[in-house]
Amino acid sequence: MIRILGLRLIQAAVTLFAVSFLVYLAGDYTGDPVSNYLDPTATEDQRIAVAQEFGLDKPVLERYGIFLKNAVQGDFGKSFKTKQPVFSLVMDRVGNTIFLILIAKLITLAVAVPLGVYAAVHRGTLGDTLARGFALFWQAVPGFWVAIMAILLFAVGLHLVPAAGNDSWKSYILPAGIIGLGTSAGLLRIIRSSMIEALESDYARLARSKGVSEARIIWVHALRNSAIPAMTLFGISLGTAIAAGVTIEVVFAWPGLGRLVVDAVSWGDYPTVLAAVMFYATVIIVVNLIVDLSYTVVDPRVRL
């Protein structure tokens, strides 16, 4: 276990290095940060002073090496827009985003697991058709369109929830619900297909022949054996939730990390973008590592 964990940590470090390098180069070649920072009428001396202040007067690989050395110590540089430490800007927004995604993933589980199991047990019925139609709808429609329609209906029309911001618990209902329902569609379908296979397996037939109740076969034996593909997709769907969260945060004016990234891109503030992307990459890597290690808990037959 320790050896496997060590190898996974090395893989995570290599992945983070690759992500940081690619994003740093992409940010460097998408425009001139000095021009974005200064007024068009700025003199050449002003441009040189700003370039020196942010370390932009050095070759790109040398700048990346300096960034990497400082990033290991928790220093991601200063924002081109506000001149504040990037790490502080990201940390100020992280809490809002993490809490939103956590609520969304709880909604994902609360919807996908019971609906997926129900559709598998009652396959071919109207309930199964409605569950698959629900999944198809949420996989087909763009999240931002659903968000706009939800604001028009529930916030503007019915005045049930706020249209933007995070002033109260009601502010979480629409953004978390839309993200959670959107990522529940794929999980619902994989649970349904895995459960159908499990319910028709030899061990399920043997359990029935021994008089085991159908409820125990469904919720203990079949669901546990269907958990690994569902767990894999659940870990992958975290990336989908984060990606969807960026759009949703913009639509709902949510003061989270996704909105900060969009603002930073429009400003040409790539130190902020890079720090946010590194945070996202770290979260996804950690979650997938936890999912991999949890396979042996769910199914002892699995060996890492």
C-alpha atoms as a PDB file:
ATOM      1  CA  MET A   1       0.000   0.000   0.000  1.00  0.00           C
ATOM      2  CA  ILE A   2       2.782   2.443   0.931  1.00  0.00           C
ATOM      3  CA  ARG A   3       4.626   1.682  -2.315  1.00  0.00           C
ATOM      4  CA  ILE A   4       1.488   2.223  -4.396  1.00  0.00           C
ATOM      5  CA  LEU A   5       0.699   5.450  -2.558  1.00  0.00           C
ATOM      6  CA  GLY A   6       4.255   6.679  -3.165  1.00  0.00           C
ATOM      7  CA  LEU A   7       3.974   5.934  -6.886  1.00  0.00           C
ATOM      8  CA  ARG A   8       0.639   7.733  -7.091  1.00  0.00           C
ATOM      9  CA  LEU A   9       2.093  10.778  -5.342  1.00  0.00           C
ATOM     10  CA  ILE A  10       4.966  10.847  -7.842  1.00  0.00           C
ATOM     11  CA  GLN A  11       2.442  10.632 -10.696  1.00  0.00           C
ATOM     12  CA  ALA A  12       0.475  13.486  -9.108  1.00  0.00           C
ATOM     13  CA  ALA A  13       3.607  15.650  -8.865  1.00  0.00           C
ATOM     14  CA  VAL A  14       4.484  14.984 -12.525  1.00  0.00           C
ATOM     15  CA  THR A  15       0.915  15.798 -13.569  1.00  0.00           C
ATOM     16  CA  LEU A  16       0.909  19.064 -11.645  1.00  0.00           C
ATOM     17  CA  PHE A  17       4.269  19.985 -13.167  1.00  0.00           C
ATOM     18  CA  ALA A  18       2.944  19.334 -16.683  1.00  0.00           C
ATOM     19  CA  VAL A  19      -0.250  21.308 -16.013  1.00  0.00           C
ATOM     20  CA  SER A  20       1.672  24.277 -14.610  1.00  0.00           C
ATOM     21  CA  PHE A  21       4.127  24.293 -17.531  1.00  0.00           C
ATOM     22  CA  LEU A  22       1.456  24.144 -20.230  1.00  0.00           C
ATOM     23  CA  VAL A  23      -0.774  26.748 -18.578  1.00  0.00           C
ATOM     24  CA  TYR A  24       2.204  29.047 -17.949  1.00  0.00           C
ATOM     25  CA  LEU A  25       3.285  28.884 -21.596  1.00  0.00           C
ATOM     26  CA  ALA A  26      -0.294  29.358 -22.808  1.00  0.00           C
ATOM     27  CA  GLY A  27      -0.708  32.421 -20.602  1.00  0.00           C
ATOM     28  CA  ASP A  28       2.604  33.859 -21.742  1.00  0.00           C
ATOM     29  CA  TYR A  29       1.766  33.567 -25.447  1.00  0.00           C
ATOM     30  CA  THR A  30      -1.840  34.784 -25.337  1.00  0.00           C
ATOM     31  CA  GLY A  31      -0.924  38.444 -25.091  1.00  0.00           C
ATOM     32  CA  ASP A  32       1.295  41.070 -23.533  1.00  0.00           C
ATOM     33  CA  PRO A  33       0.441  41.492 -19.815  1.00  0.00           C
ATOM     34  CA  VAL A  34       2.168  44.868 -19.750  1.00  0.00           C
ATOM     35  CA  SER A  35      -0.158  46.193 -22.458  1.00  0.00           C
ATOM     36  CA  ASN A  36      -3.167  44.860 -20.548  1.00  0.00           C
ATOM     37  CA  TYR A  37      -1.967  46.499 -17.361  1.00  0.00           C
ATOM     38  CA  LEU A  38      -1.003  49.939 -18.708  1.00  0.00           C
ATOM     39  CA  ASP A  39      -2.932  52.612 -20.534  1.00  0.00           C
ATOM     40  CA  PRO A  40      -2.266  52.705 -24.322  1.00  0.00           C
ATOM     41  CA  THR A  41      -0.640  56.126 -23.876  1.00  0.00           C
ATOM     42  CA  ALA A  42       2.008  54.767 -21.445  1.00  0.00           C
ATOM     43  CA  THR A  43       5.614  55.610 -22.200  1.00  0.00           C
ATOM     44  CA  GLU A  44       8.347  53.084 -22.878  1.00  0.00           C
ATOM     45  CA  ASP A  45       9.913  53.813 -19.490  1.00  0.00           C
ATOM     46  CA  GLN A  46       6.616  52.960 -17.789  1.00  0.00           C
ATOM     47  CA  ARG A  47       6.406  49.710 -19.725  1.00  0.00           C
ATOM     48  CA  ILE A  48       9.930  48.756 -18.699  1.00  0.00           C
ATOM     49  CA  ALA A  49       9.208  49.582 -15.036  1.00  0.00           C
ATOM     50  CA  VAL A  50       6.069  47.413 -14.989  1.00  0.00           C
ATOM     51  CA  ALA A  51       7.877  44.547 -16.739  1.00  0.00           C
ATOM     52  CA  GLN A  52      10.624  44.678 -14.116  1.00  0.00           C
ATOM     53  CA  GLU A  53       8.106  44.865 -11.252  1.00  0.00           C
ATOM     54  CA  PHE A  54       6.385  41.644 -12.345  1.00  0.00           C
ATOM     55  CA  GLY A  55       9.556  39.930 -13.563  1.00  0.00           C
ATOM     56  CA  LEU A  56       8.437  40.014 -17.198  1.00  0.00           C
ATOM     57  CA  ASP A  57      11.783  41.277 -18.479  1.00  0.00           C
ATOM     58  CA  LYS A  58      13.313  37.777 -18.340  1.00  0.00           C
ATOM     59  CA  PRO A  59      13.037  34.872 -20.836  1.00  0.00           C
ATOM     60  CA  VAL A  60       9.936  32.737 -20.430  1.00  0.00           C
ATOM     61  CA  LEU A  61      11.732  29.572 -19.281  1.00  0.00           C
ATOM     62  CA  GLU A  62      13.695  31.506 -16.673  1.00  0.00           C
ATOM     63  CA  ARG A  63      10.459  33.081 -15.442  1.00  0.00           C
ATOM     64  CA  TYR A  64       8.828  29.668 -15.255  1.00  0.00           C
ATOM     65  CA  GLY A  65      11.736  28.328 -13.219  1.00  0.00           C
ATOM     66  CA  ILE A  66      11.376  31.221 -10.780  1.00  0.00           C
ATOM     67  CA  PHE A  67       7.624  30.644 -10.589  1.00  0.00           C
ATOM     68  CA  LEU A  68       8.087  26.925  -9.914  1.00  0.00           C
ATOM     69  CA  LYS A  69      10.610  27.568  -7.157  1.00  0.00           C
ATOM     70  CA  ASN A  70       8.301  30.085  -5.472  1.00  0.00           C
ATOM     71  CA  ALA A  71       5.137  28.002  -6.008  1.00  0.00           C
ATOM     72  CA  VAL A  72       6.618  25.092  -4.049  1.00  0.00           C
ATOM     73  CA  GLN A  73       6.828  27.539  -1.121  1.00  0.00           C
ATOM     74  CA  GLY A  74       3.222  28.706  -1.620  1.00  0.00           C
ATOM     75  CA  ASP A  75       4.064  31.933  -3.459  1.00  0.00           C
ATOM     76  CA  PHE A  76       2.272  32.173  -6.825  1.00  0.00           C
ATOM     77  CA  GLY A  77       3.283  35.763  -7.458  1.00  0.00           C
ATOM     78  CA  LYS A  78       1.205  38.945  -7.638  1.00  0.00           C
ATOM     79  CA  SER A  79      -1.907  39.664  -9.631  1.00  0.00           C
ATOM     80  CA  PHE A  80      -1.317  41.852 -12.674  1.00  0.00           C
ATOM     81  CA  LYS A  81      -4.673  43.527 -12.011  1.00  0.00           C
ATOM     82  CA  THR A  82      -4.734  44.175  -8.256  1.00  0.00           C
ATOM     83  CA  LYS A  83      -1.056  43.667  -7.303  1.00  0.00           C
ATOM     84  CA  GLN A  84      -2.262  41.464  -4.427  1.00  0.00           C
ATOM     85  CA  PRO A  85      -0.694  38.050  -3.755  1.00  0.00           C
ATOM     86  CA  VAL A  86      -2.406  35.551  -6.025  1.00  0.00           C
ATOM     87  CA  PHE A  87      -2.540  32.926  -3.281  1.00  0.00           C
ATOM     88  CA  SER A  88      -4.655  35.246  -1.120  1.00  0.00           C
ATOM     89  CA  LEU A  89      -7.037  36.010  -3.983  1.00  0.00           C
ATOM     90  CA  VAL A  90      -7.576  32.310  -4.636  1.00  0.00           C
ATOM     91  CA  MET A  91      -8.010  31.405  -0.962  1.00  0.00           C
ATOM     92  CA  ASP A  92     -10.613  34.155  -0.532  1.00  0.00           C
ATOM     93  CA  ARG A  93     -12.789  32.472  -3.193  1.00  0.00           C
ATOM     94  CA  VAL A  94     -12.031  28.789  -2.623  1.00  0.00           C
ATOM     95  CA  GLY A  95     -14.435  28.328   0.281  1.00  0.00           C
ATOM     96  CA  ASN A  96     -17.468  29.477  -1.709  1.00  0.00           C
ATOM     97  CA  THR A  97     -16.610  27.170  -4.609  1.00  0.00           C
ATOM     98  CA  ILE A  98     -15.818  24.108  -2.477  1.00  0.00           C
ATOM     99  CA  PHE A  99     -19.043  24.406  -0.490  1.00  0.00           C
ATOM    100  CA  LEU A 100     -21.067  24.837  -3.678  1.00  0.00           C
ATOM    101  CA  ILE A 101     -19.477  21.776  -5.314  1.00  0.00           C
ATOM    102  CA  LEU A 102     -19.916  19.662  -2.159  1.00  0.00           C
ATOM    103  CA  ILE A 103     -23.643  20.432  -2.024  1.00  0.00           C
ATOM    104  CA  ALA A 104     -23.894  19.736  -5.765  1.00  0.00           C
ATOM    105  CA  LYS A 105     -22.199  16.332  -5.406  1.00  0.00           C
ATOM    106  CA  LEU A 106     -24.511  15.400  -2.524  1.00  0.00           C
ATOM    107  CA  ILE A 107     -27.437  16.211  -4.817  1.00  0.00           C
ATOM    108  CA  THR A 108     -25.789  14.057  -7.500  1.00  0.00           C
ATOM    109  CA  LEU A 109     -25.677  11.059  -5.159  1.00  0.00           C
ATOM    110  CA  ALA A 110     -29.158  11.680  -3.766  1.00  0.00           C
ATOM    111  CA  VAL A 111     -30.630  11.683  -7.271  1.00  0.00           C
ATOM    112  CA  ALA A 112     -28.466   9.230  -9.240  1.00  0.00           C
ATOM    113  CA  VAL A 113     -28.302   6.299  -6.798  1.00  0.00           C
ATOM    114  CA  PRO A 114     -32.023   5.788  -6.053  1.00  0.00           C
ATOM    115  CA  LEU A 115     -33.110   6.575  -9.622  1.00  0.00           C
ATOM    116  CA  GLY A 116     -30.416   4.322 -11.103  1.00  0.00           C
ATOM    117  CA  VAL A 117     -31.363   1.443  -8.818  1.00  0.00           C
ATOM    118  CA  TYR A 118     -35.083   1.967  -9.456  1.00  0.00           C
ATOM    119  CA  ALA A 119     -34.574   2.024 -13.233  1.00  0.00           C
ATOM    120  CA  ALA A 120     -32.558  -1.205 -13.080  1.00  0.00           C
ATOM    121  CA  VAL A 121     -35.029  -3.049 -10.879  1.00  0.00           C
ATOM    122  CA  HIS A 122     -38.026  -1.855 -12.954  1.00  0.00           C
ATOM    123  CA  ARG A 123     -36.332  -1.946 -16.358  1.00  0.00           C
ATOM    124  CA  GLY A 124     -38.673  -1.705 -19.293  1.00  0.00           C
ATOM    125  CA  THR A 125     -41.402   0.062 -17.294  1.00  0.00           C
ATOM    126  CA  LEU A 126     -42.627   3.646 -17.518  1.00  0.00           C
ATOM    127  CA  GLY A 127     -40.494   4.564 -14.486  1.00  0.00           C
ATOM    128  CA  ASP A 128     -37.383   3.253 -16.216  1.00  0.00           C
ATOM    129  CA  THR A 129     -38.228   5.241 -19.349  1.00  0.00           C
ATOM    130  CA  LEU A 130     -38.755   8.431 -17.337  1.00  0.00           C
ATOM    131  CA  ALA A 131     -35.462   7.949 -15.453  1.00  0.00           C
ATOM    132  CA  ARG A 132     -33.535   7.451 -18.703  1.00  0.00           C
ATOM    133  CA  GLY A 133     -35.327  10.444 -20.228  1.00  0.00           C
ATOM    134  CA  PHE A 134     -34.323  12.519 -17.201  1.00  0.00           C
ATOM    135  CA  ALA A 135     -30.684  11.491 -17.672  1.00  0.00           C
ATOM    136  CA  LEU A 136     -30.779  12.181 -21.403  1.00  0.00           C
ATOM    137  CA  PHE A 137     -32.251  15.648 -20.835  1.00  0.00           C
ATOM    138  CA  TRP A 138     -29.547  16.716 -18.373  1.00  0.00           C
ATOM    139  CA  GLN A 139     -26.790  15.358 -20.599  1.00  0.00           C
ATOM    140  CA  ALA A 140     -28.165  17.134 -23.668  1.00  0.00           C
ATOM    141  CA  VAL A 141     -29.044  20.655 -22.498  1.00  0.00           C
ATOM    142  CA  PRO A 142     -26.352  23.284 -21.792  1.00  0.00           C
ATOM    143  CA  GLY A 143     -26.034  24.146 -18.121  1.00  0.00           C
ATOM    144  CA  PHE A 144     -25.979  27.897 -18.712  1.00  0.00           C
ATOM    145  CA  TRP A 145     -29.330  27.729 -20.558  1.00  0.00           C
ATOM    146  CA  VAL A 146     -30.928  25.792 -17.698  1.00  0.00           C
ATOM    147  CA  ALA A 147     -29.454  28.334 -15.264  1.00  0.00           C
ATOM    148  CA  ILE A 148     -30.937  31.284 -17.153  1.00  0.00           C
ATOM    149  CA  MET A 149     -34.344  29.594 -17.445  1.00  0.00           C
ATOM    150  CA  ALA A 150     -34.259  28.737 -13.724  1.00  0.00           C
ATOM    151  CA  ILE A 151     -33.484  32.349 -12.816  1.00  0.00           C
ATOM    152  CA  LEU A 152     -36.348  33.616 -14.985  1.00  0.00           C
ATOM    153  CA  LEU A 153     -38.807  31.122 -13.478  1.00  0.00           C
ATOM    154  CA  PHE A 154     -37.870  30.746  -9.815  1.00  0.00           C
ATOM    155  CA  ALA A 155     -36.146  34.073  -9.077  1.00  0.00           C
ATOM    156  CA  VAL A 156     -37.746  36.632 -11.396  1.00  0.00           C
ATOM    157  CA  GLY A 157     -41.162  35.028 -11.884  1.00  0.00           C
ATOM    158  CA  LEU A 158     -41.951  33.284  -8.579  1.00  0.00           C
ATOM    159  CA  HIS A 159     -39.515  35.193  -6.296  1.00  0.00           C
ATOM    160  CA  LEU A 160     -38.683  31.978  -4.426  1.00  0.00           C
ATOM    161  CA  VAL A 161     -34.888  32.263  -4.470  1.00  0.00           C
ATOM    162  CA  PRO A 162     -32.294  35.002  -5.068  1.00  0.00           C
ATOM    163  CA  ALA A 163     -31.193  35.537  -8.664  1.00  0.00           C
ATOM    164  CA  ALA A 164     -27.508  36.074  -7.807  1.00  0.00           C
ATOM    165  CA  GLY A 165     -24.937  36.135  -5.019  1.00  0.00           C
ATOM    166  CA  ASN A 166     -24.695  33.963  -1.897  1.00  0.00           C
ATOM    167  CA  ASP A 167     -26.435  36.025   0.754  1.00  0.00           C
ATOM    168  CA  SER A 168     -28.351  33.126   2.331  1.00  0.00           C
ATOM    169  CA  TRP A 169     -28.873  29.367   2.136  1.00  0.00           C
ATOM    170  CA  LYS A 170     -31.487  29.927  -0.556  1.00  0.00           C
ATOM    171  CA  SER A 171     -28.734  31.223  -2.832  1.00  0.00           C
ATOM    172  CA  TYR A 172     -27.314  27.685  -3.040  1.00  0.00           C
ATOM    173  CA  ILE A 173     -30.511  26.055  -4.299  1.00  0.00           C
ATOM    174  CA  LEU A 174     -30.340  26.951  -7.997  1.00  0.00           C
ATOM    175  CA  PRO A 175     -26.567  26.811  -8.707  1.00  0.00           C
ATOM    176  CA  ALA A 176     -25.939  23.660  -6.622  1.00  0.00           C
ATOM    177  CA  GLY A 177     -29.087  22.015  -7.951  1.00  0.00           C
ATOM    178  CA  ILE A 178     -28.201  22.649 -11.587  1.00  0.00           C
ATOM    179  CA  ILE A 179     -24.622  21.400 -11.188  1.00  0.00           C
ATOM    180  CA  GLY A 180     -25.752  18.388  -9.160  1.00  0.00           C
ATOM    181  CA  LEU A 181     -28.523  17.364 -11.540  1.00  0.00           C
ATOM    182  CA  GLY A 182     -26.264  17.867 -14.543  1.00  0.00           C
ATOM    183  CA  THR A 183     -23.577  15.533 -13.196  1.00  0.00           C
ATOM    184  CA  SER A 184     -26.142  12.996 -11.918  1.00  0.00           C
ATOM    185  CA  ALA A 185     -27.189  12.004 -15.451  1.00  0.00           C
ATOM    186  CA  GLY A 186     -24.104   9.975 -16.366  1.00  0.00           C
ATOM    187  CA  LEU A 187     -23.907   8.431 -12.908  1.00  0.00           C
ATOM    188  CA  LEU A 188     -27.556   7.379 -13.085  1.00  0.00           C
ATOM    189  CA  ARG A 189     -26.998   5.589 -16.385  1.00  0.00           C
ATOM    190  CA  ILE A 190     -23.872   3.738 -15.241  1.00  0.00           C
ATOM    191  CA  ILE A 191     -25.581   2.631 -12.008  1.00  0.00           C
ATOM    192  CA  ARG A 192     -28.569   1.371 -13.997  1.00  0.00           C
ATOM    193  CA  SER A 193     -26.460  -0.673 -16.428  1.00  0.00           C
ATOM    194  CA  SER A 194     -24.204  -2.062 -13.679  1.00  0.00           C
ATOM    195  CA  MET A 195     -27.180  -2.981 -11.495  1.00  0.00           C
ATOM    196  CA  ILE A 196     -28.931  -4.803 -14.343  1.00  0.00           C
ATOM    197  CA  GLU A 197     -25.803  -6.910 -14.876  1.00  0.00           C
ATOM    198  CA  ALA A 198     -25.444  -7.555 -11.137  1.00  0.00           C
ATOM    199  CA  LEU A 199     -29.091  -8.539 -10.652  1.00  0.00           C
ATOM    200  CA  GLU A 200     -28.805 -11.118 -13.441  1.00  0.00           C
ATOM    201  CA  SER A 201     -25.515 -12.576 -12.170  1.00  0.00           C
ATOM    202  CA  ASP A 202     -25.008 -16.042 -10.731  1.00  0.00           C
ATOM    203  CA  TYR A 203     -24.452 -14.846  -7.176  1.00  0.00           C
ATOM    204  CA  ALA A 204     -27.785 -12.944  -7.254  1.00  0.00           C
ATOM    205  CA  ARG A 205     -29.578 -16.103  -8.422  1.00  0.00           C
ATOM    206  CA  LEU A 206     -27.823 -18.126  -5.702  1.00  0.00           C
ATOM    207  CA  ALA A 207     -28.889 -15.592  -3.059  1.00  0.00           C
ATOM    208  CA  ARG A 208     -32.502 -15.817  -4.226  1.00  0.00           C
ATOM    209  CA  SER A 209     -32.388 -19.619  -4.105  1.00  0.00           C
ATOM    210  CA  LYS A 210     -31.211 -19.406  -0.479  1.00  0.00           C
ATOM    211  CA  GLY A 211     -34.203 -17.262   0.431  1.00  0.00           C
ATOM    212  CA  VAL A 212     -32.362 -13.925   0.762  1.00  0.00           C
ATOM    213  CA  SER A 213     -34.830 -11.056   0.507  1.00  0.00           C
ATOM    214  CA  GLU A 214     -34.935  -9.146  -2.762  1.00  0.00           C
ATOM    215  CA  ALA A 215     -34.303  -5.862  -0.952  1.00  0.00           C
ATOM    216  CA  ARG A 216     -31.053  -7.223   0.530  1.00  0.00           C
ATOM    217  CA  ILE A 217     -29.973  -8.561  -2.850  1.00  0.00           C
ATOM    218  CA  ILE A 218     -30.614  -5.163  -4.442  1.00  0.00           C
ATOM    219  CA  TRP A 219     -29.214  -2.775  -1.814  1.00  0.00           C
ATOM    220  CA  VAL A 220     -26.389  -4.899  -0.368  1.00  0.00           C
ATOM    221  CA  HIS A 221     -25.125  -7.467  -2.854  1.00  0.00           C
ATOM    222  CA  ALA A 222     -25.930  -5.946  -6.257  1.00  0.00           C
ATOM    223  CA  LEU A 223     -25.329  -2.302  -5.352  1.00  0.00           C
ATOM    224  CA  ARG A 224     -21.985  -3.057  -3.720  1.00  0.00           C
ATOM    225  CA  ASN A 225     -20.805  -5.008  -6.752  1.00  0.00           C
ATOM    226  CA  SER A 226     -21.977  -2.163  -9.000  1.00  0.00           C
ATOM    227  CA  ALA A 227     -20.158   0.462  -6.968  1.00  0.00           C
ATOM    228  CA  ILE A 228     -16.730   0.408  -8.635  1.00  0.00           C
ATOM    229  CA  PRO A 229     -17.748   1.742 -12.072  1.00  0.00           C
ATOM    230  CA  ALA A 230     -20.042   4.237 -10.324  1.00  0.00           C
ATOM    231  CA  MET A 231     -17.220   5.363  -8.031  1.00  0.00           C
ATOM    232  CA  THR A 232     -14.907   5.795 -11.015  1.00  0.00           C
ATOM    233  CA  LEU A 233     -17.430   7.955 -12.829  1.00  0.00           C
ATOM    234  CA  PHE A 234     -18.189   9.901  -9.656  1.00  0.00           C
ATOM    235  CA  GLY A 235     -14.510  10.820  -9.343  1.00  0.00           C
ATOM    236  CA  ILE A 236     -14.312  11.804 -13.001  1.00  0.00           C
ATOM    237  CA  SER A 237     -17.531  13.805 -12.702  1.00  0.00           C
ATOM    238  CA  LEU A 238     -15.823  16.077 -10.191  1.00  0.00           C
ATOM    239  CA  GLY A 239     -13.946  17.596 -13.119  1.00  0.00           C
ATOM    240  CA  THR A 240     -17.260  18.015 -14.938  1.00  0.00           C
ATOM    241  CA  ALA A 241     -18.765  19.685 -11.882  1.00  0.00           C
ATOM    242  CA  ILE A 242     -15.837  22.095 -11.618  1.00  0.00           C
ATOM    243  CA  ALA A 243     -16.042  22.934 -15.324  1.00  0.00           C
ATOM    244  CA  ALA A 244     -19.806  23.440 -15.081  1.00  0.00           C
ATOM    245  CA  GLY A 245     -19.277  25.441 -11.915  1.00  0.00           C
ATOM    246  CA  VAL A 246     -17.269  28.082 -13.780  1.00  0.00           C
ATOM    247  CA  THR A 247     -20.202  28.816 -16.093  1.00  0.00           C
ATOM    248  CA  ILE A 248     -22.768  28.611 -13.313  1.00  0.00           C
ATOM    249  CA  GLU A 249     -20.761  30.954 -11.088  1.00  0.00           C
ATOM    250  CA  VAL A 250     -20.715  33.552 -13.869  1.00  0.00           C
ATOM    251  CA  VAL A 251     -24.461  33.238 -14.546  1.00  0.00           C
ATOM    252  CA  PHE A 252     -25.352  33.517 -10.855  1.00  0.00           C
ATOM    253  CA  ALA A 253     -22.650  36.119 -10.057  1.00  0.00           C
ATOM    254  CA  TRP A 254     -21.327  33.648  -7.508  1.00  0.00           C
ATOM    255  CA  PRO A 255     -18.245  34.963  -5.648  1.00  0.00           C
ATOM    256  CA  GLY A 256     -16.252  31.796  -6.217  1.00  0.00           C
ATOM    257  CA  LEU A 257     -13.072  30.640  -7.876  1.00  0.00           C
ATOM    258  CA  GLY A 258     -14.695  30.036 -11.272  1.00  0.00           C
ATOM    259  CA  ARG A 259     -15.835  33.627 -11.558  1.00  0.00           C
ATOM    260  CA  LEU A 260     -12.384  34.805 -10.480  1.00  0.00           C
ATOM    261  CA  VAL A 261     -10.841  32.754 -13.301  1.00  0.00           C
ATOM    262  CA  VAL A 262     -13.188  34.259 -15.899  1.00  0.00           C
ATOM    263  CA  ASP A 263     -12.419  37.776 -14.667  1.00  0.00           C
ATOM    264  CA  ALA A 264      -8.684  37.032 -14.636  1.00  0.00           C
ATOM    265  CA  VAL A 265      -8.796  35.749 -18.231  1.00  0.00           C
ATOM    266  CA  SER A 266     -10.550  38.922 -19.373  1.00  0.00           C
ATOM    267  CA  TRP A 267      -7.917  41.003 -17.581  1.00  0.00           C
ATOM    268  CA  GLY A 268      -4.983  39.012 -18.971  1.00  0.00           C
ATOM    269  CA  ASP A 269      -4.053  38.214 -15.359  1.00  0.00           C
ATOM    270  CA  TYR A 270      -2.491  34.807 -15.975  1.00  0.00           C
ATOM    271  CA  PRO A 271      -0.776  34.420 -12.551  1.00  0.00           C
ATOM    272  CA  THR A 272      -4.272  34.290 -11.052  1.00  0.00           C
ATOM    273  CA  VAL A 273      -5.465  31.908 -13.769  1.00  0.00           C
ATOM    274  CA  LEU A 274      -2.467  29.642 -13.218  1.00  0.00           C
ATOM    275  CA  ALA A 275      -2.958  29.496  -9.439  1.00  0.00           C
ATOM    276  CA  ALA A 276      -6.657  28.658  -9.852  1.00  0.00           C
ATOM    277  CA  VAL A 277      -5.948  25.953 -12.432  1.00  0.00           C
ATOM    278  CA  MET A 278      -3.329  24.427 -10.144  1.00  0.00           C
ATOM    279  CA  PHE A 279      -5.892  24.316  -7.329  1.00  0.00           C
ATOM    280  CA  TYR A 280      -8.459  22.636  -9.601  1.00  0.00           C
ATOM    281  CA  ALA A 281      -5.882  20.108 -10.813  1.00  0.00           C
ATOM    282  CA  THR A 282      -4.822  19.299  -7.245  1.00  0.00           C
ATOM    283  CA  VAL A 283      -8.415  18.709  -6.132  1.00  0.00           C
ATOM    284  CA  ILE A 284      -9.151  16.411  -9.075  1.00  0.00           C
ATOM    285  CA  ILE A 285      -5.932  14.419  -8.524  1.00  0.00           C
ATOM    286  CA  VAL A 286      -6.587  14.008  -4.786  1.00  0.00           C
ATOM    287  CA  VAL A 287     -10.208  12.934  -5.305  1.00  0.00           C
ATOM    288  CA  ASN A 288      -9.259  10.364  -7.936  1.00  0.00           C
ATOM    289  CA  LEU A 289      -6.495   9.034  -5.674  1.00  0.00           C
ATOM    290  CA  ILE A 290      -9.014   8.595  -2.853  1.00  0.00           C
ATOM    291  CA  VAL A 291     -11.394   6.824  -5.244  1.00  0.00           C
ATOM    292  CA  ASP A 292      -8.626   4.453  -6.389  1.00  0.00           C
ATOM    293  CA  LEU A 293      -7.671   3.588  -2.821  1.00  0.00           C
ATOM    294  CA  SER A 294     -11.302   3.059  -1.806  1.00  0.00           C
ATOM    295  CA  TYR A 295     -11.786   0.289  -4.395  1.00  0.00           C
ATOM    296  CA  THR A 296     -10.282  -2.265  -2.011  1.00  0.00           C
ATOM    297  CA  VAL A 297     -12.707  -1.236   0.747  1.00  0.00           C
ATOM    298  CA  VAL A 298     -15.772  -1.686  -1.461  1.00  0.00           C
ATOM    299  CA  ASP A 299     -14.563  -4.868  -3.166  1.00  0.00           C
ATOM    300  CA  PRO A 300     -11.815  -6.849  -1.372  1.00  0.00           C
ATOM    301  CA  ARG A 301     -11.160  -8.759  -4.616  1.00  0.00           C
ATOM    302  CA  VAL A 302      -9.592  -5.637  -6.082  1.00  0.00           C
ATOM    303  CA  ARG A 303      -5.893  -5.227  -5.498  1.00  0.00           C
ATOM    304  CA  LEU A 304      -4.086  -1.993  -6.217  1.00  0.00           C
END
